[in-house]
Full PDB file with SEQRES, HELIX, SHEET, SSBOND, CRYST1, ORIGX, SCALE, CONECT and MASTER records, all heavy atoms in Angstrom:
SEQRES   1 A   43  SER LEU GLY GLY SER GLN TYR ARG GLU PHE LEU LEU ALA          
SEQRES   2 A   43  GLY ILE PHE ALA GLN THR VAL ALA PHE ASN ALA ALA PHE          
SEQRES   3 A   43  THR THR VAL GLY LEU ALA GLY ASP LEU HIS GLN GLY ILE          
SEQRES   4 A   43  ILE ASP ARG MET                                              
HELIX    1 AA1 SER A    5  PHE A   22  1                                  18    
HELIX    2 AA2 ALA A   24  HIS A   36  1                                  13    
HELIX    3 AA3 ILE A   39  ARG A   42  1                                   4    
CRYST1    1.000    1.000    1.000  90.00  90.00  90.00 P 1           1          
ORIGX1      1.000000  0.000000  0.000000        0.00000                         
ORIGX2      0.000000  1.000000  0.000000        0.00000                         
ORIGX3      0.000000  0.000000  1.000000        0.00000                         
SCALE1      1.000000  0.000000  0.000000        0.00000                         
SCALE2      0.000000  1.000000  0.000000        0.00000                         
SCALE3      0.000000  0.000000  1.000000        0.00000                         
ATOM      1  N   SER A   1      -3.605 -25.692 -30.565  1.00  0.00           N  
ATOM      2  CA  SER A   1      -4.325 -26.940 -30.216  1.00  0.00           C  
ATOM      3  C   SER A   1      -5.795 -26.656 -29.938  1.00  0.00           C  
ATOM      4  O   SER A   1      -6.593 -27.611 -29.761  1.00  0.00           O  
ATOM      5  CB  SER A   1      -3.701 -27.624 -29.034  1.00  0.00           C  
ATOM      6  OG  SER A   1      -3.737 -26.778 -27.889  1.00  0.00           O  
ATOM      7  N   LEU A   2      -6.210 -25.362 -29.891  1.00  0.00           N  
ATOM      8  CA  LEU A   2      -7.575 -25.029 -29.546  1.00  0.00           C  
ATOM      9  C   LEU A   2      -8.403 -24.478 -30.711  1.00  0.00           C  
ATOM     10  O   LEU A   2      -9.572 -24.135 -30.550  1.00  0.00           O  
ATOM     11  CB  LEU A   2      -7.583 -23.979 -28.406  1.00  0.00           C  
ATOM     12  CG  LEU A   2      -7.108 -24.509 -27.044  1.00  0.00           C  
ATOM     13  CD1 LEU A   2      -6.976 -23.353 -26.062  1.00  0.00           C  
ATOM     14  CD2 LEU A   2      -8.029 -25.592 -26.501  1.00  0.00           C  
ATOM     15  N   GLY A   3      -7.727 -24.347 -31.898  1.00  0.00           N  
ATOM     16  CA  GLY A   3      -8.526 -23.901 -33.035  1.00  0.00           C  
ATOM     17  C   GLY A   3      -7.823 -22.919 -33.924  1.00  0.00           C  
ATOM     18  O   GLY A   3      -8.415 -22.400 -34.879  1.00  0.00           O  
ATOM     19  N   GLY A   4      -6.570 -22.598 -33.650  1.00  0.00           N  
ATOM     20  CA  GLY A   4      -5.815 -21.756 -34.536  1.00  0.00           C  
ATOM     21  C   GLY A   4      -6.374 -20.351 -34.689  1.00  0.00           C  
ATOM     22  O   GLY A   4      -6.695 -19.686 -33.732  1.00  0.00           O  
ATOM     23  N   SER A   5      -6.504 -19.929 -35.951  1.00  0.00           N  
ATOM     24  CA  SER A   5      -6.964 -18.544 -36.203  1.00  0.00           C  
ATOM     25  C   SER A   5      -8.384 -18.311 -35.705  1.00  0.00           C  
ATOM     26  O   SER A   5      -8.702 -17.187 -35.249  1.00  0.00           O  
ATOM     27  CB  SER A   5      -6.883 -18.246 -37.727  1.00  0.00           C  
ATOM     28  OG  SER A   5      -7.728 -19.152 -38.422  1.00  0.00           O  
ATOM     29  N   GLN A   6      -9.228 -19.335 -35.754  1.00  0.00           N  
ATOM     30  CA  GLN A   6     -10.595 -19.149 -35.222  1.00  0.00           C  
ATOM     31  C   GLN A   6     -10.579 -18.958 -33.725  1.00  0.00           C  
ATOM     32  O   GLN A   6     -11.371 -18.185 -33.210  1.00  0.00           O  
ATOM     33  CB  GLN A   6     -11.445 -20.344 -35.631  1.00  0.00           C  
ATOM     34  CG  GLN A   6     -11.829 -20.411 -37.082  1.00  0.00           C  
ATOM     35  CD  GLN A   6     -12.745 -21.554 -37.396  1.00  0.00           C  
ATOM     36  OE1 GLN A   6     -12.384 -22.716 -37.241  1.00  0.00           O  
ATOM     37  NE2 GLN A   6     -13.972 -21.278 -37.817  1.00  0.00           N  
ATOM     38  N   TYR A   7      -9.675 -19.667 -33.056  1.00  0.00           N  
ATOM     39  CA  TYR A   7      -9.573 -19.470 -31.611  1.00  0.00           C  
ATOM     40  C   TYR A   7      -9.095 -18.080 -31.290  1.00  0.00           C  
ATOM     41  O   TYR A   7      -9.515 -17.496 -30.293  1.00  0.00           O  
ATOM     42  CB  TYR A   7      -8.615 -20.526 -31.020  1.00  0.00           C  
ATOM     43  CG  TYR A   7      -8.427 -20.340 -29.518  1.00  0.00           C  
ATOM     44  CD1 TYR A   7      -9.442 -20.608 -28.611  1.00  0.00           C  
ATOM     45  CD2 TYR A   7      -7.250 -19.802 -29.024  1.00  0.00           C  
ATOM     46  CE1 TYR A   7      -9.297 -20.406 -27.265  1.00  0.00           C  
ATOM     47  CE2 TYR A   7      -7.066 -19.584 -27.650  1.00  0.00           C  
ATOM     48  CZ  TYR A   7      -8.112 -19.894 -26.788  1.00  0.00           C  
ATOM     49  OH  TYR A   7      -7.952 -19.662 -25.446  1.00  0.00           O  
ATOM     50  N   ARG A   8      -8.168 -17.529 -32.083  1.00  0.00           N  
ATOM     51  CA  ARG A   8      -7.678 -16.182 -31.798  1.00  0.00           C  
ATOM     52  C   ARG A   8      -8.804 -15.134 -31.895  1.00  0.00           C  
ATOM     53  O   ARG A   8      -8.846 -14.191 -31.143  1.00  0.00           O  
ATOM     54  CB  ARG A   8      -6.525 -15.856 -32.754  1.00  0.00           C  
ATOM     55  CG  ARG A   8      -5.241 -16.641 -32.421  1.00  0.00           C  
ATOM     56  CD  ARG A   8      -4.036 -16.061 -33.136  1.00  0.00           C  
ATOM     57  NE  ARG A   8      -4.024 -16.330 -34.547  1.00  0.00           N  
ATOM     58  CZ  ARG A   8      -3.519 -17.416 -35.112  1.00  0.00           C  
ATOM     59  NH1 ARG A   8      -2.999 -18.360 -34.300  1.00  0.00           N  
ATOM     60  NH2 ARG A   8      -3.525 -17.600 -36.407  1.00  0.00           N  
ATOM     61  N   GLU A   9      -9.710 -15.335 -32.845  1.00  0.00           N  
ATOM     62  CA  GLU A   9     -10.886 -14.446 -32.885  1.00  0.00           C  
ATOM     63  C   GLU A   9     -11.766 -14.623 -31.670  1.00  0.00           C  
ATOM     64  O   GLU A   9     -12.270 -13.653 -31.111  1.00  0.00           O  
ATOM     65  CB  GLU A   9     -11.688 -14.710 -34.169  1.00  0.00           C  
ATOM     66  CG  GLU A   9     -11.048 -14.173 -35.429  1.00  0.00           C  
ATOM     67  CD  GLU A   9     -12.063 -13.522 -36.349  1.00  0.00           C  
ATOM     68  OE1 GLU A   9     -13.260 -13.826 -36.239  1.00  0.00           O  
ATOM     69  OE2 GLU A   9     -11.625 -12.663 -37.149  1.00  0.00           O  
ATOM     70  N   PHE A  10     -11.948 -15.845 -31.250  1.00  0.00           N  
ATOM     71  CA  PHE A  10     -12.749 -16.172 -30.055  1.00  0.00           C  
ATOM     72  C   PHE A  10     -12.072 -15.563 -28.840  1.00  0.00           C  
ATOM     73  O   PHE A  10     -12.749 -15.075 -27.890  1.00  0.00           O  
ATOM     74  CB  PHE A  10     -12.919 -17.660 -29.899  1.00  0.00           C  
ATOM     75  CG  PHE A  10     -13.542 -18.131 -28.651  1.00  0.00           C  
ATOM     76  CD1 PHE A  10     -14.935 -18.208 -28.536  1.00  0.00           C  
ATOM     77  CD2 PHE A  10     -12.807 -18.513 -27.568  1.00  0.00           C  
ATOM     78  CE1 PHE A  10     -15.527 -18.641 -27.378  1.00  0.00           C  
ATOM     79  CE2 PHE A  10     -13.375 -18.976 -26.395  1.00  0.00           C  
ATOM     80  CZ  PHE A  10     -14.755 -19.022 -26.284  1.00  0.00           C  
ATOM     81  N   LEU A  11     -10.746 -15.599 -28.798  1.00  0.00           N  
ATOM     82  CA  LEU A  11      -9.979 -15.260 -27.591  1.00  0.00           C  
ATOM     83  C   LEU A  11     -10.089 -13.791 -27.183  1.00  0.00           C  
ATOM     84  O   LEU A  11     -10.160 -13.465 -26.007  1.00  0.00           O  
ATOM     85  CB  LEU A  11      -8.525 -15.637 -27.813  1.00  0.00           C  
ATOM     86  CG  LEU A  11      -7.504 -15.180 -26.746  1.00  0.00           C  
ATOM     87  CD1 LEU A  11      -7.741 -15.935 -25.416  1.00  0.00           C  
ATOM     88  CD2 LEU A  11      -6.118 -15.441 -27.257  1.00  0.00           C  
ATOM     89  N   LEU A  12     -10.019 -12.899 -28.168  1.00  0.00           N  
ATOM     90  CA  LEU A  12      -9.777 -11.502 -27.863  1.00  0.00           C  
ATOM     91  C   LEU A  12     -10.830 -10.864 -26.962  1.00  0.00           C  
ATOM     92  O   LEU A  12     -10.509 -10.102 -26.032  1.00  0.00           O  
ATOM     93  CB  LEU A  12      -9.616 -10.697 -29.156  1.00  0.00           C  
ATOM     94  CG  LEU A  12      -8.196 -10.377 -29.554  1.00  0.00           C  
ATOM     95  CD1 LEU A  12      -7.503  -9.441 -28.584  1.00  0.00           C  
ATOM     96  CD2 LEU A  12      -7.356 -11.660 -29.655  1.00  0.00           C  
ATOM     97  N   ALA A  13     -12.101 -11.169 -27.203  1.00  0.00           N  
ATOM     98  CA  ALA A  13     -13.118 -10.598 -26.298  1.00  0.00           C  
ATOM     99  C   ALA A  13     -12.945 -11.059 -24.884  1.00  0.00           C  
ATOM    100  O   ALA A  13     -13.194 -10.299 -23.945  1.00  0.00           O  
ATOM    101  CB  ALA A  13     -14.510 -11.008 -26.819  1.00  0.00           C  
ATOM    102  N   GLY A  14     -12.509 -12.302 -24.702  1.00  0.00           N  
ATOM    103  CA  GLY A  14     -12.219 -12.795 -23.349  1.00  0.00           C  
ATOM    104  C   GLY A  14     -11.048 -12.105 -22.721  1.00  0.00           C  
ATOM    105  O   GLY A  14     -11.058 -11.773 -21.526  1.00  0.00           O  
ATOM    106  N   ILE A  15     -10.022 -11.827 -23.512  1.00  0.00           N  
ATOM    107  CA  ILE A  15      -8.851 -11.080 -23.010  1.00  0.00           C  
ATOM    108  C   ILE A  15      -9.289  -9.648 -22.638  1.00  0.00           C  
ATOM    109  O   ILE A  15      -8.841  -9.114 -21.604  1.00  0.00           O  
ATOM    110  CB  ILE A  15      -7.753 -11.000 -24.085  1.00  0.00           C  
ATOM    111  CG1 ILE A  15      -7.187 -12.400 -24.309  1.00  0.00           C  
ATOM    112  CG2 ILE A  15      -6.652 -10.084 -23.630  1.00  0.00           C  
ATOM    113  CD1 ILE A  15      -6.308 -12.939 -23.210  1.00  0.00           C  
ATOM    114  N   PHE A  16     -10.129  -9.022 -23.409  1.00  0.00           N  
ATOM    115  CA  PHE A  16     -10.649  -7.672 -23.077  1.00  0.00           C  
ATOM    116  C   PHE A  16     -11.321  -7.717 -21.718  1.00  0.00           C  
ATOM    117  O   PHE A  16     -11.049  -6.863 -20.830  1.00  0.00           O  
ATOM    118  CB  PHE A  16     -11.645  -7.190 -24.121  1.00  0.00           C  
ATOM    119  CG  PHE A  16     -11.048  -6.926 -25.480  1.00  0.00           C  
ATOM    120  CD1 PHE A  16     -11.890  -6.879 -26.600  1.00  0.00           C  
ATOM    121  CD2 PHE A  16      -9.703  -6.741 -25.681  1.00  0.00           C  
ATOM    122  CE1 PHE A  16     -11.379  -6.624 -27.875  1.00  0.00           C  
ATOM    123  CE2 PHE A  16      -9.194  -6.495 -26.943  1.00  0.00           C  
ATOM    124  CZ  PHE A  16     -10.030  -6.436 -28.024  1.00  0.00           C  
ATOM    125  N   ALA A  17     -12.223  -8.664 -21.524  1.00  0.00           N  
ATOM    126  CA  ALA A  17     -13.004  -8.749 -20.252  1.00  0.00           C  
ATOM    127  C   ALA A  17     -12.057  -9.040 -19.085  1.00  0.00           C  
ATOM    128  O   ALA A  17     -12.170  -8.435 -18.019  1.00  0.00           O  
ATOM    129  CB  ALA A  17     -14.070  -9.821 -20.362  1.00  0.00           C  
ATOM    130  N   GLN A  18     -11.133  -9.988 -19.293  1.00  0.00           N  
ATOM    131  CA  GLN A  18     -10.201 -10.332 -18.198  1.00  0.00           C  
ATOM    132  C   GLN A  18      -9.303  -9.154 -17.830  1.00  0.00           C  
ATOM    133  O   GLN A  18      -9.066  -8.867 -16.659  1.00  0.00           O  
ATOM    134  CB  GLN A  18      -9.337 -11.517 -18.602  1.00  0.00           C  
ATOM    135  CG  GLN A  18      -8.416 -11.989 -17.479  1.00  0.00           C  
ATOM    136  CD  GLN A  18      -7.040 -12.350 -18.018  1.00  0.00           C  
ATOM    137  OE1 GLN A  18      -6.538 -11.736 -18.955  1.00  0.00           O  
ATOM    138  NE2 GLN A  18      -6.424 -13.342 -17.408  1.00  0.00           N  
ATOM    139  N   THR A  19      -8.835  -8.406 -18.825  1.00  0.00           N  
ATOM    140  CA  THR A  19      -7.898  -7.305 -18.572  1.00  0.00           C  
ATOM    141  C   THR A  19      -8.530  -6.212 -17.762  1.00  0.00           C  
ATOM    142  O   THR A  19      -7.956  -5.710 -16.823  1.00  0.00           O  
ATOM    143  CB  THR A  19      -7.328  -6.771 -19.884  1.00  0.00           C  
ATOM    144  OG1 THR A  19      -6.606  -7.830 -20.538  1.00  0.00           O  
ATOM    145  CG2 THR A  19      -6.424  -5.594 -19.627  1.00  0.00           C  
ATOM    146  N   VAL A  20      -9.754  -5.782 -18.160  1.00  0.00           N  
ATOM    147  CA  VAL A  20     -10.368  -4.684 -17.420  1.00  0.00           C  
ATOM    148  C   VAL A  20     -10.747  -5.120 -16.015  1.00  0.00           C  
ATOM    149  O   VAL A  20     -10.769  -4.295 -15.109  1.00  0.00           O  
ATOM    150  CB  VAL A  20     -11.617  -4.125 -18.171  1.00  0.00           C  
ATOM    151  CG1 VAL A  20     -11.175  -3.591 -19.542  1.00  0.00           C  
ATOM    152  CG2 VAL A  20     -12.713  -5.173 -18.369  1.00  0.00           C  
ATOM    153  N   ALA A  21     -11.046  -6.445 -15.836  1.00  0.00           N  
ATOM    154  CA  ALA A  21     -11.267  -6.960 -14.480  1.00  0.00           C  
ATOM    155  C   ALA A  21      -9.979  -6.894 -13.655  1.00  0.00           C  
ATOM    156  O   ALA A  21      -9.974  -6.440 -12.497  1.00  0.00           O  
ATOM    157  CB  ALA A  21     -11.810  -8.365 -14.537  1.00  0.00           C  
ATOM    158  N   PHE A  22      -8.865  -7.323 -14.247  1.00  0.00           N  
ATOM    159  CA  PHE A  22      -7.578  -7.288 -13.561  1.00  0.00           C  
ATOM    160  C   PHE A  22      -7.141  -5.872 -13.264  1.00  0.00           C  
ATOM    161  O   PHE A  22      -6.461  -5.630 -12.261  1.00  0.00           O  
ATOM    162  CB  PHE A  22      -6.508  -7.990 -14.409  1.00  0.00           C  
ATOM    163  CG  PHE A  22      -6.417  -9.454 -14.135  1.00  0.00           C  
ATOM    164  CD1 PHE A  22      -7.529 -10.266 -14.000  1.00  0.00           C  
ATOM    165  CD2 PHE A  22      -5.164 -10.071 -13.978  1.00  0.00           C  
ATOM    166  CE1 PHE A  22      -7.457 -11.628 -13.747  1.00  0.00           C  
ATOM    167  CE2 PHE A  22      -5.042 -11.428 -13.691  1.00  0.00           C  
ATOM    168  CZ  PHE A  22      -6.172 -12.222 -13.610  1.00  0.00           C  
ATOM    169  N   ASN A  23      -7.539  -4.925 -14.096  1.00  0.00           N  
ATOM    170  CA  ASN A  23      -7.140  -3.528 -13.848  1.00  0.00           C  
ATOM    171  C   ASN A  23      -7.805  -2.930 -12.628  1.00  0.00           C  
ATOM    172  O   ASN A  23      -7.443  -1.842 -12.197  1.00  0.00           O  
ATOM    173  CB  ASN A  23      -7.421  -2.669 -15.078  1.00  0.00           C  
ATOM    174  CG  ASN A  23      -6.408  -2.858 -16.165  1.00  0.00           C  
ATOM    175  OD1 ASN A  23      -5.347  -3.512 -15.956  1.00  0.00           O  
ATOM    176  ND2 ASN A  23      -6.635  -2.330 -17.324  1.00  0.00           N  
ATOM    177  N   ALA A  24      -8.810  -3.625 -12.062  1.00  0.00           N  
ATOM    178  CA  ALA A  24      -9.372  -3.214 -10.783  1.00  0.00           C  
ATOM    179  C   ALA A  24      -8.311  -3.203  -9.694  1.00  0.00           C  
ATOM    180  O   ALA A  24      -8.368  -2.416  -8.764  1.00  0.00           O  
ATOM    181  CB  ALA A  24     -10.531  -4.105 -10.386  1.00  0.00           C  
ATOM    182  N   ALA A  25      -7.331  -4.068  -9.818  1.00  0.00           N  
ATOM    183  CA  ALA A  25      -6.216  -4.090  -8.857  1.00  0.00           C  
ATOM    184  C   ALA A  25      -5.398  -2.808  -8.940  1.00  0.00           C  
ATOM    185  O   ALA A  25      -4.819  -2.373  -7.933  1.00  0.00           O  
ATOM    186  CB  ALA A  25      -5.320  -5.300  -9.170  1.00  0.00           C  
ATOM    187  N   PHE A  26      -5.383  -2.193 -10.109  1.00  0.00           N  
ATOM    188  CA  PHE A  26      -4.713  -0.901 -10.267  1.00  0.00           C  
ATOM    189  C   PHE A  26      -5.386   0.160  -9.357  1.00  0.00           C  
ATOM    190  O   PHE A  26      -4.712   0.965  -8.687  1.00  0.00           O  
ATOM    191  CB  PHE A  26      -4.823  -0.476 -11.736  1.00  0.00           C  
ATOM    192  CG  PHE A  26      -3.903   0.614 -12.157  1.00  0.00           C  
ATOM    193  CD1 PHE A  26      -2.539   0.340 -12.338  1.00  0.00           C  
ATOM    194  CD2 PHE A  26      -4.351   1.896 -12.390  1.00  0.00           C  
ATOM    195  CE1 PHE A  26      -1.668   1.362 -12.755  1.00  0.00           C  
ATOM    196  CE2 PHE A  26      -3.511   2.896 -12.792  1.00  0.00           C  
ATOM    197  CZ  PHE A  26      -2.151   2.620 -12.972  1.00  0.00           C  
ATOM    198  N   THR A  27      -6.719   0.135  -9.320  1.00  0.00           N  
ATOM    199  CA  THR A  27      -7.475   1.018  -8.451  1.00  0.00           C  
ATOM    200  C   THR A  27      -7.200   0.694  -6.987  1.00  0.00           C  
ATOM    201  O   THR A  27      -7.012   1.594  -6.131  1.00  0.00           O  
ATOM    202  CB  THR A  27      -8.972   0.928  -8.737  1.00  0.00           C  
ATOM    203  OG1 THR A  27      -9.206   1.086 -10.132  1.00  0.00           O  
ATOM    204  CG2 THR A  27      -9.763   1.957  -7.958  1.00  0.00           C  
ATOM    205  N   THR A  28      -7.196  -0.603  -6.672  1.00  0.00           N  
ATOM    206  CA  THR A  28      -6.985  -1.045  -5.296  1.00  0.00           C  
ATOM    207  C   THR A  28      -5.668  -0.539  -4.739  1.00  0.00           C  
ATOM    208  O   THR A  28      -5.598   0.052  -3.661  1.00  0.00           O  
ATOM    209  CB  THR A  28      -7.030  -2.607  -5.240  1.00  0.00           C  
ATOM    210  OG1 THR A  28      -8.287  -3.046  -5.670  1.00  0.00           O  
ATOM    211  CG2 THR A  28      -6.805  -3.060  -3.797  1.00  0.00           C  
ATOM    212  N   VAL A  29      -4.577  -0.780  -5.473  1.00  0.00           N  
ATOM    213  CA  VAL A  29      -3.274  -0.373  -4.985  1.00  0.00           C  
ATOM    214  C   VAL A  29      -3.111   1.134  -4.991  1.00  0.00           C  
ATOM    215  O   VAL A  29      -2.566   1.706  -4.007  1.00  0.00           O  
ATOM    216  CB  VAL A  29      -2.179  -1.006  -5.906  1.00  0.00           C  
ATOM    217  CG1 VAL A  29      -0.784  -0.512  -5.511  1.00  0.00           C  
ATOM    218  CG2 VAL A  29      -2.235  -2.549  -5.797  1.00  0.00           C  
ATOM    219  N   GLY A  30      -3.638   1.823  -5.984  1.00  0.00           N  
ATOM    220  CA  GLY A  30      -3.538   3.269  -6.002  1.00  0.00           C  
ATOM    221  C   GLY A  30      -4.211   3.934  -4.876  1.00  0.00           C  
ATOM    222  O   GLY A  30      -3.704   4.845  -4.203  1.00  0.00           O  
ATOM    223  N   LEU A  31      -5.449   3.477  -4.552  1.00  0.00           N  
ATOM    224  CA  LEU A  31      -6.208   4.086  -3.463  1.00  0.00           C  
ATOM    225  C   LEU A  31      -5.604   3.724  -2.128  1.00  0.00           C  
ATOM    226  O   LEU A  31      -5.574   4.551  -1.192  1.00  0.00           O  
ATOM    227  CB  LEU A  31      -7.664   3.650  -3.570  1.00  0.00           C  
ATOM    228  CG  LEU A  31      -8.673   4.502  -2.757  1.00  0.00           C  
ATOM    229  CD1 LEU A  31      -8.562   5.962  -3.136  1.00  0.00           C  
ATOM    230  CD2 LEU A  31     -10.097   3.983  -3.018  1.00  0.00           C  
ATOM    231  N   ALA A  32      -5.140   2.456  -2.000  1.00  0.00           N  
ATOM    232  CA  ALA A  32      -4.488   2.069  -0.747  1.00  0.00           C  
ATOM    233  C   ALA A  32      -3.223   2.870  -0.504  1.00  0.00           C  
ATOM    234  O   ALA A  32      -2.917   3.298   0.615  1.00  0.00           O  
ATOM    235  CB  ALA A  32      -4.169   0.594  -0.777  1.00  0.00           C  
ATOM    236  N   GLY A  33      -2.475   3.141  -1.567  1.00  0.00           N  
ATOM    237  CA  GLY A  33      -1.272   3.978  -1.455  1.00  0.00           C  
ATOM    238  C   GLY A  33      -1.619   5.351  -1.017  1.00  0.00           C  
ATOM    239  O   GLY A  33      -0.962   5.949  -0.135  1.00  0.00           O  
ATOM    240  N   ASP A  34      -2.634   5.968  -1.627  1.00  0.00           N  
ATOM    241  CA  ASP A  34      -3.075   7.337  -1.207  1.00  0.00           C  
ATOM    242  C   ASP A  34      -3.515   7.355   0.247  1.00  0.00           C  
ATOM    243  O   ASP A  34      -3.208   8.302   0.952  1.00  0.00           O  
ATOM    244  CB  ASP A  34      -4.241   7.800  -2.107  1.00  0.00           C  
ATOM    245  CG  ASP A  34      -3.783   8.158  -3.517  1.00  0.00           C  
ATOM    246  OD1 ASP A  34      -2.589   8.273  -3.757  1.00  0.00           O  
ATOM    247  OD2 ASP A  34      -4.682   8.289  -4.369  1.00  0.00           O  
ATOM    248  N   LEU A  35      -4.159   6.305   0.661  1.00  0.00           N  
ATOM    249  CA  LEU A  35      -4.664   6.251   2.041  1.00  0.00           C  
ATOM    250  C   LEU A  35      -3.496   6.192   3.043  1.00  0.00           C  
ATOM    251  O   LEU A  35      -3.491   6.925   4.030  1.00  0.00           O  
ATOM    252  CB  LEU A  35      -5.577   5.020   2.175  1.00  0.00           C  
ATOM    253  CG  LEU A  35      -6.139   4.762   3.597  1.00  0.00           C  
ATOM    254  CD1 LEU A  35      -7.027   5.926   4.039  1.00  0.00           C  
ATOM    255  CD2 LEU A  35      -6.930   3.465   3.592  1.00  0.00           C  
ATOM    256  N   HIS A  36      -2.527   5.329   2.800  1.00  0.00           N  
ATOM    257  CA  HIS A  36      -1.480   5.105   3.778  1.00  0.00           C  
ATOM    258  C   HIS A  36      -0.310   6.091   3.629  1.00  0.00           C  
ATOM    259  O   HIS A  36       0.536   6.177   4.520  1.00  0.00           O  
ATOM    260  CB  HIS A  36      -0.984   3.653   3.636  1.00  0.00           C  
ATOM    261  CG  HIS A  36      -2.038   2.667   3.986  1.00  0.00           C  
ATOM    262  ND1 HIS A  36      -2.461   2.441   5.261  1.00  0.00           N  
ATOM    263  CD2 HIS A  36      -2.793   1.849   3.199  1.00  0.00           C  
ATOM    264  CE1 HIS A  36      -3.427   1.546   5.279  1.00  0.00           C  
ATOM    265  NE2 HIS A  36      -3.642   1.151   4.033  1.00  0.00           N  
ATOM    266  N   GLN A  37      -0.340   6.879   2.584  1.00  0.00           N  
ATOM    267  CA  GLN A  37       0.649   7.981   2.424  1.00  0.00           C  
ATOM    268  C   GLN A  37       0.098   9.307   2.982  1.00  0.00           C  
ATOM    269  O   GLN A  37       0.808  10.329   2.929  1.00  0.00           O  
ATOM    270  CB  GLN A  37       1.065   8.153   0.965  1.00  0.00           C  
ATOM    271  CG  GLN A  37       1.868   6.979   0.438  1.00  0.00           C  
ATOM    272  CD  GLN A  37       2.067   7.058  -1.079  1.00  0.00           C  
ATOM    273  OE1 GLN A  37       1.775   8.057  -1.728  1.00  0.00           O  
ATOM    274  NE2 GLN A  37       2.519   5.968  -1.673  1.00  0.00           N  
ATOM    275  N   GLY A  38      -1.125   9.289   3.427  1.00  0.00           N  
ATOM    276  CA  GLY A  38      -1.694  10.503   4.002  1.00  0.00           C  
ATOM    277  C   GLY A  38      -2.405  11.417   3.017  1.00  0.00           C  
ATOM    278  O   GLY A  38      -2.880  12.479   3.389  1.00  0.00           O  
ATOM    279  N   ILE A  39      -2.402  11.019   1.728  1.00  0.00           N  
ATOM    280  CA  ILE A  39      -3.016  11.906   0.725  1.00  0.00           C  
ATOM    281  C   ILE A  39      -4.532  12.002   0.934  1.00  0.00           C  
ATOM    282  O   ILE A  39      -5.134  13.074   0.764  1.00  0.00           O  
ATOM    283  CB  ILE A  39      -2.702  11.356  -0.697  1.00  0.00           C  
ATOM    284  CG1 ILE A  39      -1.174  11.505  -0.954  1.00  0.00           C  
ATOM    285  CG2 ILE A  39      -3.469  12.156  -1.755  1.00  0.00           C  
ATOM    286  CD1 ILE A  39      -0.713  10.847  -2.207  1.00  0.00           C  
ATOM    287  N   ILE A  40      -5.163  10.871   1.325  1.00  0.00           N  
ATOM    288  CA  ILE A  40      -6.601  10.920   1.612  1.00  0.00           C  
ATOM    289  C   ILE A  40      -6.906  11.847   2.776  1.00  0.00           C  
ATOM    290  O   ILE A  40      -7.877  12.604   2.746  1.00  0.00           O  
ATOM    291  CB  ILE A  40      -7.106   9.500   1.931  1.00  0.00           C  
ATOM    292  CG1 ILE A  40      -6.983   8.570   0.708  1.00  0.00           C  
ATOM    293  CG2 ILE A  40      -8.541   9.558   2.419  1.00  0.00           C  
ATOM    294  CD1 ILE A  40      -7.842   8.954  -0.449  1.00  0.00           C  
ATOM    295  N   ASP A  41      -6.007  11.876   3.796  1.00  0.00           N  
ATOM    296  CA  ASP A  41      -6.215  12.771   4.941  1.00  0.00           C  
ATOM    297  C   ASP A  41      -6.166  14.241   4.451  1.00  0.00           C  
ATOM    298  O   ASP A  41      -6.923  15.069   4.938  1.00  0.00           O  
ATOM    299  CB  ASP A  41      -5.138  12.551   5.989  1.00  0.00           C  
ATOM    300  CG  ASP A  41      -5.349  11.206   6.717  1.00  0.00           C  
ATOM    301  OD1 ASP A  41      -6.509  10.728   6.754  1.00  0.00           O  
ATOM    302  OD2 ASP A  41      -4.359  10.647   7.245  1.00  0.00           O  
ATOM    303  N   ARG A  42      -5.226  14.527   3.552  1.00  0.00           N  
ATOM    304  CA  ARG A  42      -5.133  15.892   3.053  1.00  0.00           C  
ATOM    305  C   ARG A  42      -6.343  16.274   2.220  1.00  0.00           C  
ATOM    306  O   ARG A  42      -6.858  17.407   2.314  1.00  0.00           O  
ATOM    307  CB  ARG A  42      -3.865  16.077   2.210  1.00  0.00           C  
ATOM    308  CG  ARG A  42      -2.572  16.039   3.064  1.00  0.00           C  
ATOM    309  CD  ARG A  42      -1.403  16.605   2.286  1.00  0.00           C  
ATOM    310  NE  ARG A  42      -0.942  15.710   1.268  1.00  0.00           N  
ATOM    311  CZ  ARG A  42      -0.081  14.740   1.417  1.00  0.00           C  
ATOM    312  NH1 ARG A  42       0.412  14.492   2.634  1.00  0.00           N  
ATOM    313  NH2 ARG A  42       0.278  13.980   0.415  1.00  0.00           N  
ATOM    314  N   MET A  43      -6.850  15.312   1.439  1.00  0.00           N  
ATOM    315  CA  MET A  43      -8.056  15.595   0.638  1.00  0.00           C  
ATOM    316  C   MET A  43      -9.287  15.805   1.537  1.00  0.00           C  
ATOM    317  O   MET A  43     -10.176  16.601   1.256  1.00  0.00           O  
ATOM    318  CB  MET A  43      -8.331  14.467  -0.324  1.00  0.00           C  
ATOM    319  CG  MET A  43      -7.357  14.389  -1.489  1.00  0.00           C  
ATOM    320  SD  MET A  43      -7.748  13.051  -2.644  1.00  0.00           S  
ATOM    321  CE  MET A  43      -6.497  13.315  -3.910  1.00  0.00           C  
TER     322      MET A  43                                                      
MASTER        0    0    0    3    0    0    0    6  321    1    0    4          
END                                                                             
């Protein structure tokens, strides 16, 4: 309903930007886990 094949070409760059932004949560959880498991203290 938004443009078919032309919309899919338009979409992908937005998906790229959104995904790498969402992957910041990967860093957040990983570092919080290291912190509360004592790994940061050992480092």
